[in-house]
Amino acid sequence: MNDHTFKPFLDAFIVAWKNSSLIELETFISPDFQAREIRGGEIVDFGYEESIEGWKQGFAFVKKQRAEWEVNEVSVIPLKEDEVMAILSATIVMNREAMETCHLFFDTFKKVDGADWKLVRSYIETGVVRDI
């Protein structure tokens, strides 16, 4: 991939996530965002509004517990000239102890109007055993 703007964008996305900053994170998500989450064997499809609500609840939990996010970049895969998939693992660390499971995010980012990157699609596997 010849576009050198994606890596700084992804780094900023992860920083906003680790900071539990909904105001920052919202700027990275397309209004046309669509996602599929697998939770306990159930498939849930949702869009932008539900996504923002989910982030809001997750960030509130982390702040209330005085916990922090551990977000790791697993892989970055160019899909098209203007689309990139980032595979991220995320878990919560409380009292210096990471949870036993994580969520795997297969996030697709698209360059919108030839300028800004936006998160347009996600496929999320929840409750994945860490360090398989």
Protein backbone atom coordinates (compact mmCIF):
# COMPACT_ATOMS: atom_id res chain seq x y z
CA MET A 1 0.00 0.00 0.00
CA ASN A 2 1.51 3.29 -1.08
CA ASP A 3 -0.69 5.51 1.08
CA HIS A 4 1.37 6.74 4.03
CA THR A 5 -1.61 8.36 5.75
CA PHE A 6 -3.19 5.15 7.02
CA LYS A 7 -0.70 4.17 9.75
CA PRO A 8 -0.85 7.58 11.52
CA PHE A 9 -4.65 7.44 11.20
CA LEU A 10 -4.79 3.94 12.75
CA ASP A 11 -2.44 4.99 15.54
CA ALA A 12 -4.68 7.99 16.35
CA PHE A 13 -7.77 5.72 16.28
CA ILE A 14 -6.13 3.37 18.80
CA VAL A 15 -5.06 6.29 21.04
CA ALA A 16 -8.64 7.63 21.09
CA TRP A 17 -9.82 4.12 22.03
CA LYS A 18 -7.23 3.71 24.79
CA ASN A 19 -8.20 7.13 26.14
CA SER A 20 -11.89 6.09 26.20
CA SER A 21 -12.62 9.32 24.32
CA LEU A 22 -16.00 9.02 22.63
CA ILE A 23 -15.72 12.55 21.22
CA GLU A 24 -12.44 11.64 19.50
CA LEU A 25 -13.48 8.15 18.43
CA GLU A 26 -16.69 9.37 16.78
CA THR A 27 -14.62 11.38 14.29
CA PHE A 28 -13.09 8.14 12.96
CA ILE A 29 -16.41 6.37 12.26
CA SER A 30 -18.41 6.79 9.06
CA PRO A 31 -22.10 7.69 9.44
CA ASP A 32 -22.72 4.73 7.08
CA PHE A 33 -20.91 2.32 9.42
CA GLN A 34 -22.20 -1.29 9.49
CA ALA A 35 -21.08 -4.09 11.79
CA ARG A 36 -21.65 -7.69 12.74
CA GLU A 37 -20.79 -8.97 16.19
CA ILE A 38 -20.70 -12.57 17.36
CA ARG A 39 -21.45 -12.72 21.08
CA GLY A 40 -22.07 -16.05 22.79
CA GLY A 41 -22.80 -17.69 19.44
CA GLU A 42 -25.45 -15.09 18.57
CA ILE A 43 -25.10 -12.84 15.52
CA VAL A 44 -25.97 -9.18 16.00
CA ASP A 45 -25.94 -6.68 13.12
CA PHE A 46 -25.87 -2.97 13.90
CA GLY A 47 -25.07 0.44 12.49
CA TYR A 48 -23.60 3.78 13.50
CA GLU A 49 -26.02 4.76 16.29
CA GLU A 50 -25.82 1.39 18.03
CA SER A 51 -22.05 1.43 17.65
CA ILE A 52 -21.73 4.82 19.33
CA GLU A 53 -23.97 3.62 22.16
CA GLY A 54 -21.79 0.51 22.58
CA TRP A 55 -18.60 2.58 22.71
CA LYS A 56 -20.26 4.94 25.20
CA GLN A 57 -21.17 2.05 27.52
CA GLY A 58 -17.75 0.42 27.17
CA PHE A 59 -15.90 3.63 27.88
CA ALA A 60 -18.14 4.39 30.89
CA PHE A 61 -17.41 0.91 32.30
CA VAL A 62 -13.65 1.32 31.88
CA LYS A 63 -13.67 4.76 33.51
CA LYS A 64 -15.91 3.63 36.40
CA GLN A 65 -13.66 0.61 37.10
CA ARG A 66 -10.52 2.75 36.78
CA ALA A 67 -9.40 0.20 34.22
CA GLU A 68 -7.62 0.64 30.92
CA TRP A 69 -7.75 -0.75 27.42
CA GLU A 70 -5.12 -3.03 25.99
CA VAL A 71 -5.46 -2.71 22.21
CA ASN A 72 -3.05 -4.55 19.93
CA GLU A 73 -2.59 -4.37 16.19
CA VAL A 74 -2.64 -7.97 14.97
CA SER A 75 -2.41 -7.28 11.24
CA VAL A 76 -3.05 -4.65 8.58
CA ILE A 77 -4.21 -5.89 5.20
CA PRO A 78 -4.68 -3.65 2.15
CA LEU A 79 -7.98 -4.60 0.47
CA LYS A 80 -8.21 -2.02 -2.31
CA GLU A 81 -6.41 1.19 -3.17
CA ASP A 82 -8.74 3.07 -0.81
CA GLU A 83 -9.61 0.32 1.72
CA VAL A 84 -7.59 -1.31 4.48
CA MET A 85 -8.53 -3.93 7.05
CA ALA A 86 -6.96 -3.69 10.47
CA ILE A 87 -7.26 -6.68 12.77
CA LEU A 88 -7.16 -5.48 16.36
CA SER A 89 -7.44 -7.35 19.64
CA ALA A 90 -8.83 -5.51 22.64
CA THR A 91 -9.23 -6.41 26.27
CA ILE A 92 -9.69 -4.57 29.53
CA VAL A 93 -7.00 -4.41 32.19
CA MET A 94 -8.23 -4.00 35.78
CA ASN A 95 -5.88 -3.83 38.75
CA ARG A 96 -2.98 -4.56 36.40
CA GLU A 97 -4.63 -7.86 35.38
CA ALA A 98 -5.85 -8.34 31.82
CA MET A 99 -9.12 -10.17 31.32
CA GLU A 100 -8.78 -13.78 30.16
CA THR A 101 -10.60 -13.06 26.92
CA CYS A 102 -10.45 -10.38 24.29
CA HIS A 103 -12.50 -9.15 21.37
CA LEU A 104 -11.09 -9.45 17.86
CA PHE A 105 -12.05 -6.57 15.59
CA PHE A 106 -11.76 -6.99 11.83
CA ASP A 107 -12.14 -3.28 11.01
CA THR A 108 -12.38 -2.04 7.44
CA PHE A 109 -11.34 1.56 6.87
CA LYS A 110 -12.04 3.43 3.65
CA LYS A 111 -10.58 6.65 2.34
CA VAL A 112 -13.57 8.97 1.96
CA ASP A 113 -13.58 11.60 -0.79
CA GLY A 114 -9.91 10.90 -1.37
CA ALA A 115 -9.00 12.59 1.90
CA ASP A 116 -9.95 11.19 5.30
CA TRP A 117 -9.98 7.58 6.46
CA LYS A 118 -13.16 6.37 8.14
CA LEU A 119 -14.19 3.11 9.80
CA VAL A 120 -16.90 1.74 7.50
CA ARG A 121 -17.32 -1.93 8.50
CA SER A 122 -16.50 -4.20 11.42
CA TYR A 123 -16.75 -7.88 12.11
CA ILE A 124 -16.26 -8.55 15.82
CA GLU A 125 -15.64 -11.86 17.59
CA THR A 126 -16.21 -11.47 21.33
CA GLY A 127 -14.87 -13.60 24.16
CA VAL A 128 -11.85 -14.89 22.28
CA VAL A 129 -9.35 -16.74 24.47
CA ARG A 130 -6.15 -14.72 24.68
CA ASP A 131 -2.79 -16.29 23.85
CA ILE A 132 -4.22 -19.24 21.95
